[in-house]
Each structure stands twice: as structure tokens, then as C-alpha cells.
C-alpha atoms as a PDB file:
ATOM      1  CA  MET A   1     -81.631  66.839 -67.115  1.00  0.00           C
ATOM      2  CA  ASP A   2     -82.527  68.897 -64.585  1.00  0.00           C
ATOM      3  CA  ASN A   3     -86.461  69.678 -64.698  1.00  0.00           C
ATOM      4  CA  ASP A   4     -86.053  72.773 -63.232  1.00  0.00           C
ATOM      5  CA  ASP A   5     -84.037  74.094 -65.796  1.00  0.00           C
ATOM      6  CA  LEU A   6     -85.957  72.673 -68.530  1.00  0.00           C
ATOM      7  CA  LEU A   7     -89.640  73.418 -67.476  1.00  0.00           C
ATOM      8  CA  PRO A   8     -89.170  77.556 -67.706  1.00  0.00           C
ATOM      9  CA  LEU A   9     -87.516  76.800 -70.807  1.00  0.00           C
ATOM     10  CA  LEU A  10     -90.609  74.729 -72.276  1.00  0.00           C
ATOM     11  CA  CYS A  11     -92.623  76.950 -70.747  1.00  0.00           C
ATOM     12  CA  ALA A  12     -91.331  80.150 -72.963  1.00  0.00           C
ATOM     13  CA  THR A  13     -91.394  78.059 -75.751  1.00  0.00           C
ATOM     14  CA  ALA A  14     -95.062  77.248 -75.208  1.00  0.00           C
ATOM     15  CA  GLN A  15     -95.388  81.216 -75.330  1.00  0.00           C
ATOM     16  CA  GLY A  16     -93.390  80.933 -78.866  1.00  0.00           C
ATOM     17  CA  ASP A  17     -90.221  82.175 -77.301  1.00  0.00           C
ATOM     18  CA  LYS A  18     -87.611  81.096 -80.019  1.00  0.00           C
ATOM     19  CA  ASN A  19     -84.533  81.877 -77.747  1.00  0.00           C
ATOM     20  CA  ALA A  20     -85.831  79.495 -75.300  1.00  0.00           C
ATOM     21  CA  PHE A  21     -86.658  76.566 -77.701  1.00  0.00           C
ATOM     22  CA  SER A  22     -83.112  77.085 -79.037  1.00  0.00           C
ATOM     23  CA  SER A  23     -81.649  76.883 -75.249  1.00  0.00           C
ATOM     24  CA  LEU A  24     -83.926  73.680 -74.663  1.00  0.00           C
ATOM     25  CA  TYR A  25     -82.694  72.135 -77.839  1.00  0.00           C
ATOM     26  CA  GLN A  26     -78.985  72.639 -77.181  1.00  0.00           C
ATOM     27  CA  GLN A  27     -79.466  71.175 -73.709  1.00  0.00           C
ATOM     28  CA  THR A  28     -81.387  67.942 -74.687  1.00  0.00           C
ATOM     29  CA  SER A  29     -80.693  67.536 -78.547  1.00  0.00           C
ATOM     30  CA  GLY A  30     -77.224  65.281 -77.903  1.00  0.00           C
ATOM     31  CA  LYS A  31     -78.918  63.206 -75.408  1.00  0.00           C
ATOM     32  CA  LEU A  32     -82.260  62.840 -77.553  1.00  0.00           C
ATOM     33  CA  PHE A  33     -80.263  61.820 -80.734  1.00  0.00           C
ATOM     34  CA  ALA A  34     -78.333  59.287 -78.789  1.00  0.00           C
ATOM     35  CA  ILE A  35     -81.734  57.631 -77.613  1.00  0.00           C
ATOM     36  CA  SER A  36     -82.772  57.411 -81.372  1.00  0.00           C
ATOM     37  CA  LEU A  37     -79.317  56.317 -82.586  1.00  0.00           C
ATOM     38  CA  ASN A  38     -79.680  53.595 -80.089  1.00  0.00           C
ATOM     39  CA  MET A  39     -83.017  52.438 -81.199  1.00  0.00           C
ATOM     40  CA  LEU A  40     -82.394  52.918 -85.271  1.00  0.00           C
ATOM     41  CA  THR A  41     -78.765  52.184 -85.311  1.00  0.00           C
ATOM     42  CA  ASN A  42     -78.725  54.198 -88.651  1.00  0.00           C
ATOM     43  CA  ARG A  43     -77.342  57.568 -88.404  1.00  0.00           C
ATOM     44  CA  ALA A  44     -79.507  59.052 -90.913  1.00  0.00           C
ATOM     45  CA  TYR A  45     -82.623  57.877 -89.383  1.00  0.00           C
ATOM     46  CA  ALA A  46     -81.750  58.688 -85.997  1.00  0.00           C
ATOM     47  CA  GLU A  47     -80.935  62.383 -87.284  1.00  0.00           C
ATOM     48  CA  GLU A  48     -85.071  62.705 -88.394  1.00  0.00           C
ATOM     49  CA  ALA A  49     -86.522  61.219 -85.097  1.00  0.00           C
ATOM     50  CA  PRO A  50     -85.174  64.106 -82.992  1.00  0.00           C
ATOM     51  CA  GLN A  51     -86.106  66.941 -85.243  1.00  0.00           C
ATOM     52  CA  ASP A  52     -89.490  65.634 -86.045  1.00  0.00           C
ATOM     53  CA  ALA A  53     -89.669  65.432 -81.774  1.00  0.00           C
ATOM     54  CA  PHE A  54     -88.568  68.974 -81.810  1.00  0.00           C
ATOM     55  CA  ILE A  55     -91.151  70.100 -84.385  1.00  0.00           C
ATOM     56  CA  LYS A  56     -93.428  68.254 -82.272  1.00  0.00           C
ATOM     57  CA  THR A  57     -92.596  70.109 -79.045  1.00  0.00           C
ATOM     58  CA  TRP A  58     -92.722  73.423 -80.455  1.00  0.00           C
ATOM     59  CA  HIS A  59     -95.989  73.081 -81.725  1.00  0.00           C
ATOM     60  CA  ASN A  60     -97.338  70.885 -78.480  1.00  0.00           C
ATOM     61  CA  ALA A  61     -95.372  72.811 -75.587  1.00  0.00           C
ATOM     62  CA  SER A  62     -98.235  73.841 -73.944  1.00  0.00           C
ATOM     63  CA  GLU A  63     -99.539  70.426 -73.745  1.00  0.00           C
ATOM     64  CA  TYR A  64     -96.857  69.342 -71.573  1.00  0.00           C
ATOM     65  CA  ASN A  65     -98.203  67.904 -68.289  1.00  0.00           C
ATOM     66  CA  ALA A  66     -95.927  68.058 -65.253  1.00  0.00           C
ATOM     67  CA  SER A  67     -97.770  65.648 -63.288  1.00  0.00           C
ATOM     68  CA  LYS A  68     -97.124  63.080 -65.722  1.00  0.00           C
ATOM     69  CA  GLY A  69     -93.353  63.543 -65.799  1.00  0.00           C
ATOM     70  CA  THR A  70     -90.408  65.537 -66.355  1.00  0.00           C
ATOM     71  CA  VAL A  71     -90.009  67.820 -69.041  1.00  0.00           C
ATOM     72  CA  PHE A  72     -86.936  65.727 -70.536  1.00  0.00           C
ATOM     73  CA  SER A  73     -88.841  62.324 -69.868  1.00  0.00           C
ATOM     74  CA  TRP A  74     -91.934  63.762 -72.021  1.00  0.00           C
ATOM     75  CA  MET A  75     -89.244  64.569 -74.843  1.00  0.00           C
ATOM     76  CA  ILE A  76     -87.448  61.242 -74.593  1.00  0.00           C
ATOM     77  CA  SER A  77     -90.969  59.548 -75.420  1.00  0.00           C
ATOM     78  CA  ILE A  78     -91.813  61.928 -78.341  1.00  0.00           C
ATOM     79  CA  VAL A  79     -88.333  60.678 -79.577  1.00  0.00           C
ATOM     80  CA  ARG A  80     -89.141  56.932 -79.124  1.00  0.00           C
ATOM     81  CA  TYR A  81     -92.341  57.268 -80.726  1.00  0.00           C
ATOM     82  CA  ARG A  82     -90.939  58.888 -83.626  1.00  0.00           C
ATOM     83  CA  SER A  83     -88.014  56.574 -83.527  1.00  0.00           C
ATOM     84  CA  LEU A  84     -90.418  53.602 -83.541  1.00  0.00           C
ATOM     85  CA  ASP A  85     -92.429  55.403 -86.641  1.00  0.00           C
ATOM     86  CA  SER A  86     -89.312  55.320 -88.302  1.00  0.00           C
ATOM     87  CA  LEU A  87     -88.193  51.883 -87.914  1.00  0.00           C
ATOM     88  CA  ARG A  88     -92.081  50.711 -88.868  1.00  0.00           C
ATOM     89  CA  TYR A  89     -91.752  53.168 -92.219  1.00  0.00           C
ATOM     90  CA  HIS A  90     -88.450  52.057 -93.130  1.00  0.00           C
ATOM     91  CA  LYS A  91     -89.067  48.329 -92.608  1.00  0.00           C
ATOM     92  CA  VAL A  92     -92.376  48.726 -94.825  1.00  0.00           C
ATOM     93  CA  ARG A  93     -90.201  50.659 -97.324  1.00  0.00           C
ATOM     94  CA  LYS A  94     -87.495  47.954 -97.620  1.00  0.00           C
ATOM     95  CA  GLU A  95     -90.342  45.291 -97.827  1.00  0.00           C
ATOM     96  CA  GLN A  96     -91.879  46.896-100.527  1.00  0.00           C
ATOM     97  CA  SER A  97     -88.723  47.586-102.592  1.00  0.00           C
ATOM     98  CA  LEU A  98     -88.221  43.606-102.741  1.00  0.00           C
ATOM     99  CA  GLY A  99     -89.628  42.473-106.197  1.00  0.00           C
ATOM    100  CA  ASP A 100     -90.556  38.868-106.647  1.00  0.00           C
ATOM    101  CA  ASP A 101     -86.940  38.062-108.206  1.00  0.00           C
ATOM    102  CA  GLU A 102     -85.555  39.085-105.233  1.00  0.00           C
ATOM    103  CA  TYR A 103     -87.650  37.027-102.929  1.00  0.00           C
ATOM    104  CA  GLU A 104     -86.390  34.064-104.898  1.00  0.00           C
ATOM    105  CA  ASN A 105     -82.429  34.786-104.480  1.00  0.00           C
ATOM    106  CA  GLU A 106     -82.655  36.400-101.083  1.00  0.00           C
ATOM    107  CA  ASN A 107     -82.176  34.530 -98.111  1.00  0.00           C
ATOM    108  CA  VAL A 108     -85.155  35.406 -95.659  1.00  0.00           C
ATOM    109  CA  ASP A 109     -83.821  36.193 -92.387  1.00  0.00           C
ATOM    110  CA  VAL A 110     -85.553  35.161 -89.049  1.00  0.00           C
ATOM    111  CA  ASN A 111     -86.122  38.892 -88.266  1.00  0.00           C
ATOM    112  CA  TYR A 112     -88.362  39.034 -91.657  1.00  0.00           C
ATOM    113  CA  ASP A 113     -90.217  35.846 -90.349  1.00  0.00           C
ATOM    114  CA  GLU A 114     -90.459  37.399 -87.045  1.00  0.00           C
ATOM    115  CA  GLU A 115     -91.998  40.448 -88.473  1.00  0.00           C
ATOM    116  CA  THR A 116     -94.502  38.711 -90.846  1.00  0.00           C
ATOM    117  CA  LYS A 117     -95.358  36.678 -87.995  1.00  0.00           C
ATOM    118  CA  LEU A 118     -96.426  40.092 -85.824  1.00  0.00           C
ATOM    119  CA  VAL A 119     -98.231  41.155 -88.782  1.00  0.00           C
ATOM    120  CA  ASN A 120    -100.296  38.236 -88.837  1.00  0.00           C
ATOM    121  CA  CYS A 121    -100.782  38.391 -85.154  1.00  0.00           C
ATOM    122  CA  ILE A 122    -101.829  41.911 -85.143  1.00  0.00           C
ATOM    123  CA  GLU A 123    -104.420  41.225 -88.063  1.00  0.00           C
ATOM    124  CA  GLN A 124    -105.983  38.649 -85.573  1.00  0.00           C
ATOM    125  CA  LEU A 125    -106.893  41.449 -82.877  1.00  0.00           C
ATOM    126  CA  GLU A 126    -110.394  42.542 -82.790  1.00  0.00           C
ATOM    127  CA  PRO A 127    -110.777  45.939 -84.248  1.00  0.00           C
ATOM    128  CA  GLN A 128    -110.839  48.037 -81.567  1.00  0.00           C
ATOM    129  CA  GLN A 129    -107.768  46.403 -80.050  1.00  0.00           C
ATOM    130  CA  LYS A 130    -105.735  46.777 -83.228  1.00  0.00           C
ATOM    131  CA  GLN A 131    -106.696  50.343 -83.583  1.00  0.00           C
ATOM    132  CA  ALA A 132    -105.882  51.353 -79.915  1.00  0.00           C
ATOM    133  CA  ILE A 133    -102.404  49.664 -80.028  1.00  0.00           C
ATOM    134  CA  HIS A 134    -101.703  51.217 -83.422  1.00  0.00           C
ATOM    135  CA  LEU A 135    -102.630  54.544 -81.912  1.00  0.00           C
ATOM    136  CA  ALA A 136    -100.541  54.086 -78.875  1.00  0.00           C
ATOM    137  CA  TYR A 137     -97.393  52.376 -80.148  1.00  0.00           C
ATOM    138  CA  TYR A 138     -97.176  53.695 -83.659  1.00  0.00           C
ATOM    139  CA  LYS A 139     -98.633  56.844 -83.544  1.00  0.00           C
ATOM    140  CA  GLY A 140     -97.436  57.919 -80.207  1.00  0.00           C
ATOM    141  CA  LEU A 141    -100.821  58.877 -78.473  1.00  0.00           C
ATOM    142  CA  SER A 142    -101.166  58.848 -74.898  1.00  0.00           C
ATOM    143  CA  HIS A 143    -104.015  57.351 -73.187  1.00  0.00           C
ATOM    144  CA  SER A 144    -105.696  60.561 -72.777  1.00  0.00           C
ATOM    145  CA  GLU A 145    -105.064  61.407 -76.400  1.00  0.00           C
ATOM    146  CA  LEU A 146    -106.650  58.103 -77.235  1.00  0.00           C
ATOM    147  CA  VAL A 147    -109.630  58.625 -75.275  1.00  0.00           C
ATOM    148  CA  ASP A 148    -110.321  61.822 -77.008  1.00  0.00           C
ATOM    149  CA  HIS A 149    -109.475  60.285 -80.206  1.00  0.00           C
ATOM    150  CA  ILE A 150    -111.762  57.284 -80.242  1.00  0.00           C
ATOM    151  CA  GLU A 151    -114.428  58.735 -77.916  1.00  0.00           C
ATOM    152  CA  THR A 152    -114.124  55.988 -75.581  1.00  0.00           C
ATOM    153  CA  PRO A 153    -113.525  55.756 -72.066  1.00  0.00           C
ATOM    154  CA  LEU A 154    -110.055  55.465 -70.654  1.00  0.00           C
ATOM    155  CA  GLY A 155    -110.940  52.401 -68.831  1.00  0.00           C
ATOM    156  CA  THR A 156    -111.892  50.601 -71.982  1.00  0.00           C
ATOM    157  CA  VAL A 157    -109.148  52.039 -73.885  1.00  0.00           C
ATOM    158  CA  LYS A 158    -106.933  50.508 -71.209  1.00  0.00           C
ATOM    159  CA  SER A 159    -108.677  47.423 -71.026  1.00  0.00           C
ATOM    160  CA  TRP A 160    -108.463  47.000 -75.314  1.00  0.00           C
ATOM    161  CA  ILE A 161    -104.653  47.697 -75.128  1.00  0.00           C
ATOM    162  CA  ARG A 162    -103.906  45.222 -72.232  1.00  0.00           C
ATOM    163  CA  ARG A 163    -106.008  42.278 -73.677  1.00  0.00           C
ATOM    164  CA  GLY A 164    -104.795  42.961 -77.381  1.00  0.00           C
ATOM    165  CA  LEU A 165    -101.182  43.062 -76.125  1.00  0.00           C
ATOM    166  CA  MET A 166    -101.769  39.911 -73.970  1.00  0.00           C
ATOM    167  CA  GLN A 167    -103.304  38.011 -77.159  1.00  0.00           C
ATOM    168  CA  LEU A 168    -100.205  39.338 -79.211  1.00  0.00           C
ATOM    169  CA  GLN A 169     -98.023  37.889 -76.802  1.00  0.00           C
ATOM    170  CA  ARG A 170     -99.918  34.422 -76.962  1.00  0.00           C
ATOM    171  CA  CYS A 171     -99.690  34.368 -80.684  1.00  0.00           C
ATOM    172  CA  LEU A 172     -96.242  35.325 -80.958  1.00  0.00           C
ATOM    173  CA  THR A 173     -95.397  32.371 -78.481  1.00  0.00           C
ATOM    174  CA  LEU A 174     -96.987  29.854 -80.437  1.00  0.00           C
END
């Protein structure tokens, strides 16, 4: 995707230009869907993530910062975070739908064990680390959005995330 083509469309979208948004959609939707499908592997779920991302793009087009990357890379990050949210949501729903009787008859696979281990490791994090990682990786907030949201200096937020991820890595390798 050529940033020189997408940037004017995004700028016009920020001004409420529906035709520009439509062009932006036509030029990027196929590739963004492919990214989502690659992450989610389920076509129905993969269709939701780009749609949610385009809604966010429509509402937040004015927040794009060219110094942080191209328009398309910004849109990819939105789709990626929406896809991660979808993965997490559908895994939680699947786990909640399994009743006790089904657990007895169900062969619990390695993935479930790994997810359970991840949840246990996350629970061991300090509250600040857990909050920062959750907001960054599950809610898709950027570092600057995190700073505003939790009213903490950037260096501190980055340290919480870095130390939390290192602790998760150690915990998961035990």
C-alpha cells in the first residue's frame, strides 16, 4: 500500500468525507481481511475484526500520527488488536460453554493447558504490570494512550510492560 495514496484519504476521512472513507476501505479491506483471517483462521470471526477496525478508523482518523508509521501500518495494528480481542473473546466463550459433564468427557488438549498456564502466570503479575499489559495487548492502547489512561509517565509504563512480559516468559517456561 502506498502511503501517498492512503494519507489523503485518511485525512479526508478525518474530516467526515464518506467517499474518501469508501475509497480507503476499497483499497485496504482485502489485505486487512487476509491479516485477520491468518490470525483467526475462522472466516466469520475474521470478517468481524476488520469491520470493527474500520469503525475505529472512521472515528479516530484524526488521531493518526505520521511519525509513528504509514497509514496502512496504523490500520494493520488496529486490525491486529481487534483480531486479538476476538481470539480472546471466543476462547473465553468456548471455555464458559463447557459444562462440568463435558469436562469429564472432553480430552483437554495442550492448547487449553497452555492457556490455563498463561492465565495463572498473568495472575501472578503485579497489578500495575497486569493492567498495563492488558490495556496494551488486549485493548490495543498505544504507549501514549496508556500514559493518558493510567496517568503515569511513559518510562514507567514501558518498564511495567517490559518487566511483566519478562516475568510471563519466565513463568511460562517453568
